[in-house]
Amino acid sequence: MKEGWTLDDIPWDQFAPERVDRQTLEAVKAAAMVEFNAADYVAYLERVFAGDEAMIESIRRWGVEETQHGRALARWAEMADPAFRFDPAFARFREGYRPAHFESGEAARGGRAGEMIARCVVESGTSSFYSGIRDETPEPVLKVIAAHIAADEFRHYRLFYEAFLKYQPEERLSFLERARVAVGRLAEAEDDELAYAFYAANIASGTDSGEPYDRDTCSREYNRRVLRFYRPQHVKKAVQMILKPVGLSAQSRITRAASRLLWWELQARGRSLGARAA
């Protein structure tokens, strides 16, 4: 896909409302919140990489692209649901979600190399997520948006992986330390960010009104909507990307086994969530 794309490159006139399904729409609304919230991550990473001006400039470009992802997804969501208003929904999200390390400025993973492993984990997940939407949605405009975002996220992964290679010789994280960071960041996927984004976009009707936030319920409902996008090739690629900075090759037995295990776990989880909703 085109690098350096803009919203003008999206074929908005091809939007097909009859091909929008509600569950995809609700997942996209939540994703728009998280993507548009890049400014907080940029400010945090600027503090982590203070003194490395080249890296800070790359982080700022990354932030601009992430924000554009949010704008594109938000515009699509407002077309798909004319009653949806992104700005007040995003304000609710901002009010309710702000991790402690955004405030402290300290590196949450103990150093720059560890921070880049965590970012590699995130970009692995997002590139696979948007690849899944691209491959599964029948709505042509969302398909184009997701393809652009997936390509961006693969490129962002390379940026952060190269930064990890730059700082790893200085910090010398052991295999176990790298694995611990990767596993820890995967566990954070169950924190409030996506759950609260789902709540702010789909459940809360106003800043001080609406159904109270319940993390477990919102996390469950968000996952029920997104797990159906994944196919074995998406999971395999994500696992390979996650384990690369840990020090495991794409063809290692551990990587292959992890791909199969994660695919089985996602399938089982998807069936369980579907059964609970039935």
Protein backbone atom coordinates (compact mmCIF):
# COMPACT_ATOMS: atom_id res chain seq x y z
CA MET A 1 0.00 0.00 0.00
CA LYS A 2 0.98 3.62 -0.50
CA GLU A 3 3.34 5.10 2.09
CA GLY A 4 2.48 8.63 3.11
CA TRP A 5 -1.21 8.28 2.27
CA THR A 6 -3.81 10.83 3.35
CA LEU A 7 -7.54 10.75 3.92
CA ASP A 8 -7.94 12.03 0.36
CA ASP A 9 -6.59 8.69 -0.89
CA ILE A 10 -9.54 6.81 0.63
CA PRO A 11 -12.39 6.13 -1.86
CA TRP A 12 -15.11 7.46 0.43
CA ASP A 13 -17.62 7.55 -2.41
CA GLN A 14 -17.51 3.74 -2.60
CA PHE A 15 -18.90 3.34 0.92
CA ALA A 16 -21.47 0.52 1.01
CA PRO A 17 -23.62 0.84 4.16
CA GLU A 18 -25.43 -2.43 3.45
CA ARG A 19 -22.10 -4.25 3.93
CA VAL A 20 -21.49 -2.90 7.42
CA ASP A 21 -22.14 -5.26 10.31
CA ARG A 22 -22.69 -3.95 13.80
CA GLN A 23 -19.95 -5.92 15.51
CA THR A 24 -17.28 -4.70 13.10
CA LEU A 25 -18.55 -1.15 13.49
CA GLU A 26 -18.30 -1.32 17.28
CA ALA A 27 -14.76 -2.72 17.10
CA VAL A 28 -13.72 0.05 14.68
CA LYS A 29 -15.16 2.75 16.95
CA ALA A 30 -12.99 1.47 19.82
CA ALA A 31 -9.92 1.17 17.60
CA ALA A 32 -10.35 4.77 16.46
CA MET A 33 -10.09 5.92 20.08
CA VAL A 34 -6.82 4.11 20.71
CA GLU A 35 -5.22 5.18 17.41
CA PHE A 36 -6.18 8.82 17.84
CA ASN A 37 -4.72 8.86 21.34
CA ALA A 38 -1.15 8.68 19.98
CA ALA A 39 -0.17 12.11 21.33
CA ASP A 40 0.12 10.71 24.86
CA TYR A 41 2.39 7.93 23.67
CA VAL A 42 4.51 10.38 21.70
CA ALA A 43 5.00 12.59 24.78
CA TYR A 44 5.88 9.55 26.88
CA LEU A 45 8.40 8.19 24.35
CA GLU A 46 9.95 11.62 23.90
CA ARG A 47 10.81 11.56 27.59
CA VAL A 48 12.15 8.01 27.39
CA PHE A 49 14.39 8.92 24.42
CA ALA A 50 15.44 12.38 25.59
CA GLY A 51 18.74 13.27 23.91
CA ASP A 52 18.24 11.06 20.85
CA GLU A 53 16.89 13.69 18.47
CA ALA A 54 16.75 11.36 15.45
CA MET A 55 14.63 8.87 17.37
CA ILE A 56 12.39 11.61 18.73
CA GLU A 57 11.76 12.87 15.21
CA SER A 58 10.85 9.33 14.10
CA ILE A 59 8.51 9.00 17.07
CA ARG A 60 6.78 12.25 16.14
CA ARG A 61 6.25 11.05 12.56
CA TRP A 62 4.90 7.80 13.94
CA GLY A 63 2.49 9.77 16.11
CA VAL A 64 1.20 11.78 13.15
CA GLU A 65 0.49 8.57 11.24
CA GLU A 66 -1.21 6.94 14.21
CA THR A 67 -3.44 9.97 14.66
CA GLN A 68 -4.37 9.78 10.98
CA HIS A 69 -5.38 6.15 11.50
CA GLY A 70 -7.77 7.35 14.18
CA ARG A 71 -9.19 10.05 11.93
CA ALA A 72 -9.78 7.60 9.08
CA LEU A 73 -11.46 5.03 11.30
CA ALA A 74 -13.54 7.71 13.02
CA ARG A 75 -14.75 9.13 9.71
CA TRP A 76 -15.73 5.66 8.53
CA ALA A 77 -17.54 4.96 11.81
CA GLU A 78 -19.51 8.22 11.55
CA MET A 79 -20.52 7.30 7.99
CA ALA A 80 -21.58 3.82 9.11
CA ASP A 81 -23.48 5.17 12.14
CA PRO A 82 -24.74 8.74 11.59
CA ALA A 83 -25.69 8.95 15.28
CA PHE A 84 -22.09 8.38 16.36
CA ARG A 85 -19.98 11.43 17.20
CA PHE A 86 -16.30 10.70 17.60
CA ASP A 87 -15.20 13.88 19.40
CA PRO A 88 -17.38 13.54 22.52
CA ALA A 89 -16.71 9.79 22.60
CA PHE A 90 -12.97 10.45 22.48
CA ALA A 91 -13.29 13.03 25.25
CA ARG A 92 -14.92 10.34 27.41
CA PHE A 93 -12.08 7.99 26.63
CA ARG A 94 -9.44 10.57 27.52
CA GLU A 95 -11.16 11.34 30.79
CA GLY A 96 -11.37 7.71 31.83
CA TYR A 97 -8.07 6.25 30.64
CA ARG A 98 -4.60 7.51 31.48
CA PRO A 99 -1.84 5.06 32.52
CA ALA A 100 0.39 6.01 35.44
CA HIS A 101 3.59 5.96 33.37
CA PHE A 102 2.18 8.70 31.12
CA GLU A 103 2.28 10.92 34.18
CA SER A 104 5.58 9.79 35.71
CA GLY A 105 7.62 9.82 32.50
CA GLU A 106 9.64 6.83 33.67
CA ALA A 107 10.36 4.02 31.21
CA ALA A 108 7.74 1.41 32.08
CA ARG A 109 9.99 -1.40 30.82
CA GLY A 110 13.15 -0.27 32.56
CA GLY A 111 15.06 1.07 29.56
CA ARG A 112 15.02 2.01 25.90
CA ALA A 113 15.66 -1.48 24.53
CA GLY A 114 12.87 -2.89 26.66
CA GLU A 115 10.54 -0.10 25.60
CA MET A 116 11.19 -0.97 21.98
CA ILE A 117 10.42 -4.64 22.58
CA ALA A 118 7.08 -3.54 24.01
CA ARG A 119 6.41 -1.35 20.98
CA CYS A 120 7.29 -4.26 18.69
CA VAL A 121 4.69 -6.35 20.51
CA VAL A 122 2.06 -3.64 20.03
CA GLU A 123 2.83 -3.13 16.34
CA SER A 124 2.77 -6.91 15.80
CA GLY A 125 -0.71 -7.03 17.23
CA THR A 126 -2.06 -4.01 15.37
CA SER A 127 -0.62 -5.05 11.99
CA SER A 128 -2.25 -8.46 12.37
CA PHE A 129 -5.52 -6.94 13.59
CA TYR A 130 -5.86 -4.61 10.63
CA SER A 131 -4.72 -7.32 8.23
CA GLY A 132 -7.56 -9.41 9.60
CA ILE A 133 -10.09 -6.63 9.07
CA ARG A 134 -8.74 -6.05 5.55
CA ASP A 135 -9.17 -9.71 4.68
CA GLU A 136 -12.56 -10.23 6.34
CA THR A 137 -14.66 -7.10 5.85
CA PRO A 138 -16.91 -6.95 2.78
CA GLU A 139 -17.21 -3.16 3.07
CA PRO A 140 -14.89 -1.69 0.40
CA VAL A 141 -13.92 1.57 2.12
CA LEU A 142 -13.03 -0.10 5.39
CA LYS A 143 -11.03 -2.67 3.43
CA VAL A 144 -8.89 0.11 1.93
CA ILE A 145 -8.46 1.90 5.26
CA ALA A 146 -7.44 -1.31 7.00
CA ALA A 147 -4.95 -2.15 4.24
CA HIS A 148 -3.29 1.25 4.59
CA ILE A 149 -3.12 0.98 8.37
CA ALA A 150 -1.79 -2.59 8.32
CA ALA A 151 1.02 -1.52 5.96
CA ASP A 152 1.85 1.43 8.23
CA GLU A 153 1.96 -0.82 11.28
CA PHE A 154 4.38 -3.23 9.61
CA ARG A 155 6.62 -0.25 8.82
CA HIS A 156 6.33 1.02 12.38
CA TYR A 157 7.38 -2.39 13.62
CA ARG A 158 10.59 -2.10 11.58
CA LEU A 159 11.24 1.35 13.06
CA PHE A 160 10.97 0.07 16.61
CA TYR A 161 12.86 -3.15 15.91
CA GLU A 162 15.77 -1.18 14.46
CA ALA A 163 15.73 1.07 17.54
CA PHE A 164 15.82 -2.04 19.72
CA LEU A 165 18.91 -3.25 17.81
CA LYS A 166 20.52 0.14 18.41
CA TYR A 167 20.05 0.13 22.18
CA GLN A 168 20.34 -3.58 22.96
CA PRO A 169 24.18 -3.59 22.82
CA GLU A 170 24.20 -0.89 25.49
CA GLU A 171 21.60 -2.38 27.79
CA ARG A 172 22.35 -6.06 27.10
CA LEU A 173 19.00 -7.47 28.06
CA SER A 174 19.20 -11.22 28.54
CA PHE A 175 16.90 -13.62 26.74
CA LEU A 176 14.78 -13.98 29.88
CA GLU A 177 14.58 -10.21 30.37
CA ARG A 178 13.48 -9.72 26.76
CA ALA A 179 10.93 -12.50 27.08
CA ARG A 180 9.63 -10.98 30.31
CA VAL A 181 9.06 -7.62 28.63
CA ALA A 182 7.25 -9.23 25.68
CA VAL A 183 5.02 -11.37 27.90
CA GLY A 184 4.33 -8.40 30.15
CA ARG A 185 3.25 -6.23 27.24
CA LEU A 186 1.00 -8.99 25.93
CA ALA A 187 -0.62 -9.15 29.35
CA GLU A 188 -1.26 -5.40 29.20
CA ALA A 189 -3.59 -6.06 26.26
CA GLU A 190 -6.08 -7.05 28.96
CA ASP A 191 -5.77 -3.71 30.75
CA ASP A 192 -8.25 -0.84 30.58
CA GLU A 193 -7.17 0.73 27.28
CA LEU A 194 -9.20 -1.31 24.80
CA ALA A 195 -11.94 -2.09 27.29
CA TYR A 196 -12.45 1.57 28.14
CA ALA A 197 -12.23 2.55 24.46
CA PHE A 198 -15.06 0.10 23.77
CA TYR A 199 -17.06 1.58 26.65
CA ALA A 200 -16.50 5.20 25.62
CA ALA A 201 -17.39 4.51 22.01
CA ASN A 202 -20.31 2.11 22.36
CA ILE A 203 -21.85 2.18 25.82
CA ALA A 204 -21.46 5.54 27.57
CA SER A 205 -24.04 8.04 26.37
CA GLY A 206 -22.42 11.08 27.93
CA THR A 207 -19.51 12.21 30.05
CA ASP A 208 -21.45 11.94 33.31
CA SER A 209 -24.21 9.57 32.29
CA GLY A 210 -24.82 6.18 30.81
CA GLU A 211 -24.19 2.66 32.04
CA PRO A 212 -21.29 2.43 34.53
CA TYR A 213 -17.97 1.11 33.24
CA ASP A 214 -17.30 -2.55 33.96
CA ARG A 215 -13.86 -3.61 32.81
CA ASP A 216 -14.54 -7.35 32.57
CA THR A 217 -17.75 -6.89 30.61
CA CYS A 218 -16.26 -4.35 28.20
CA SER A 219 -13.11 -6.42 27.66
CA ARG A 220 -15.21 -9.49 26.97
CA GLU A 221 -17.48 -7.66 24.53
CA TYR A 222 -14.55 -6.07 22.71
CA ASN A 223 -12.76 -9.39 22.32
CA ARG A 224 -15.91 -11.12 21.14
CA ARG A 225 -16.04 -8.67 18.25
CA VAL A 226 -12.38 -8.75 17.21
CA LEU A 227 -11.33 -12.38 17.59
CA ARG A 228 -13.36 -13.39 14.54
CA PHE A 229 -11.06 -11.33 12.29
CA TYR A 230 -8.01 -13.51 12.92
CA ARG A 231 -6.93 -16.37 10.67
CA PRO A 232 -3.93 -18.70 11.10
CA GLN A 233 -1.72 -16.58 8.83
CA HIS A 234 -2.38 -13.47 10.90
CA VAL A 235 -1.55 -15.23 14.15
CA LYS A 236 1.57 -16.86 12.69
CA LYS A 237 2.93 -13.52 11.46
CA ALA A 238 2.20 -11.79 14.77
CA VAL A 239 3.99 -14.47 16.77
CA GLN A 240 7.02 -14.32 14.48
CA MET A 241 7.20 -10.55 14.85
CA ILE A 242 6.79 -10.65 18.64
CA LEU A 243 9.48 -13.28 19.16
CA LYS A 244 12.05 -11.74 16.82
CA PRO A 245 13.37 -9.12 19.32
CA VAL A 246 13.21 -11.77 22.04
CA GLY A 247 15.79 -13.69 20.02
CA LEU A 248 13.81 -16.50 18.40
CA SER A 249 13.80 -17.03 14.64
CA ALA A 250 10.63 -17.39 12.59
CA GLN A 251 11.47 -21.03 11.89
CA SER A 252 12.39 -22.11 15.40
CA ARG A 253 10.39 -24.91 16.97
CA ILE A 254 9.36 -22.61 19.80
CA THR A 255 8.00 -20.02 17.37
CA ARG A 256 6.06 -22.62 15.39
CA ALA A 257 4.66 -24.16 18.56
CA ALA A 258 3.72 -20.72 19.94
CA SER A 259 1.85 -19.91 16.72
CA ARG A 260 -0.18 -23.11 16.92
CA LEU A 261 -0.85 -22.66 20.63
CA LEU A 262 -2.00 -19.06 20.25
CA TRP A 263 -4.26 -19.95 17.32
CA TRP A 264 -5.83 -22.74 19.38
CA GLU A 265 -6.26 -20.42 22.36
CA LEU A 266 -7.90 -17.67 20.27
CA GLN A 267 -10.25 -20.19 18.69
CA ALA A 268 -11.23 -21.59 22.08
CA ARG A 269 -11.67 -18.13 23.53
CA GLY A 270 -13.79 -17.04 20.60
CA ARG A 271 -16.06 -20.07 20.98
CA SER A 272 -16.39 -19.44 24.70
CA LEU A 273 -17.28 -15.77 24.24
CA GLY A 274 -19.76 -16.64 21.51
CA ALA A 275 -21.43 -19.22 23.72
CA ARG A 276 -21.72 -16.76 26.59
CA ALA A 277 -23.36 -14.20 24.31
CA ALA A 278 -25.85 -16.68 22.83
